[in-house]
Protein backbone atom coordinates (compact mmCIF):
# COMPACT_ATOMS: atom_id res chain seq x y z
CA MET A 1 -13.80 9.69 -8.90
CA LYS A 2 -13.38 13.76 -7.86
CA PHE A 3 -14.37 14.41 -10.44
CA ALA A 4 -17.64 12.01 -9.75
CA ILE A 5 -17.96 13.90 -6.71
CA PHE A 6 -17.26 17.23 -7.22
CA ILE A 7 -20.43 16.82 -10.05
CA ILE A 8 -23.12 15.10 -7.41
CA PHE A 9 -21.57 18.22 -4.81
CA LEU A 10 -22.60 21.06 -6.92
CA ALA A 11 -25.64 19.28 -8.30
CA LEU A 12 -26.62 19.06 -4.59
CA PHE A 13 -25.27 22.76 -3.78
CA PHE A 14 -27.49 24.30 -6.50
CA TRP A 15 -30.82 21.67 -5.51
CA LEU A 16 -30.30 23.31 -2.23
CA GLY A 17 -30.73 26.93 -3.73
CA ASN A 18 -33.62 26.18 -5.15
CA LEU A 19 -34.86 25.05 -2.47
CA GLY A 20 -33.80 28.04 -0.28
CA VAL A 21 -32.29 26.24 1.70
CA VAL A 22 -28.64 27.30 0.58
CA LEU A 23 -28.05 30.67 -1.06
CA PRO A 24 -24.87 30.79 -3.47
CA GLY A 25 -24.21 33.90 -3.54
CA ARG A 26 -23.75 33.51 -0.51
CA ASP A 27 -23.01 29.97 0.56
CA TRP A 28 -20.08 29.22 -2.47
CA PRO A 29 -17.28 28.63 -0.64
CA VAL A 30 -18.92 25.79 0.82
CA ILE A 31 -17.86 23.62 -2.59
CA LEU A 32 -14.94 25.14 -1.81
CA ILE A 33 -14.25 24.26 2.08
CA PHE A 34 -15.31 20.76 0.84
CA PHE A 35 -12.94 20.48 -1.37
CA GLY A 36 -10.29 21.13 0.84
CA PHE A 37 -11.74 19.08 3.20
CA LEU A 38 -11.99 16.29 0.69
CA ASN A 39 -8.46 16.48 -1.15
CA LEU A 40 -6.82 16.76 2.67
CA ILE A 41 -8.93 14.18 4.98
CA LEU A 42 -10.46 11.76 2.06
CA LEU A 43 -8.97 11.91 -0.59
CA PRO A 44 -5.30 11.38 1.10
CA ARG A 45 -1.90 11.43 -2.26
CA TYR A 46 0.69 9.06 -2.09
CA SER A 47 4.15 10.47 -2.41
CA ARG A 48 6.50 8.93 -4.36
CA LYS A 49 8.25 7.82 -1.28
CA LYS A 50 5.48 6.27 0.54
CA ILE A 51 4.76 4.30 -2.12
CA ILE A 52 7.92 3.02 -2.68
CA GLU A 53 8.46 2.53 1.23
CA ASP A 54 4.87 0.54 0.63
CA LEU A 55 6.06 -1.40 -2.21
CA GLU A 56 8.66 -2.45 -0.25
CA LYS A 57 7.69 -3.59 2.47
CA GLY A 58 4.34 -5.19 0.67
CA ARG A 59 1.85 -3.67 1.72
CA ILE A 60 0.74 -3.41 -1.86
CA THR A 61 1.77 -5.11 -5.15
CA PRO A 62 3.86 -3.44 -7.72
CA GLU A 63 0.10 -3.41 -9.52
CA GLU A 64 -1.08 -1.20 -7.36
CA ALA A 65 2.97 0.52 -7.07
CA LEU A 66 2.14 0.94 -10.38
CA LYS A 67 -1.30 2.75 -10.33
CA ARG A 68 -0.49 4.96 -7.81
CA LEU A 69 2.16 6.00 -9.24
CA GLU A 70 0.53 7.17 -12.47
CA ARG A 71 -2.12 9.07 -10.33
CA LEU A 72 0.85 11.08 -8.83
CA HIS A 73 0.81 13.44 -12.26
């Protein structure tokens, strides 16, 4: 998922660069800011403690807990 978003954003960035809207040589930090924001806000990572807590309280199924634990690595 993150890789797909990265490719789409990168393509959009260079397309806007070709149109003259952004200058890749000057505006490349926008990519870093975007992915920092994405990691902090839109794609939160789950800690083991949070996953176990959600499983114990019945918020997620054991299968979902296993998927989340696998994604941590």
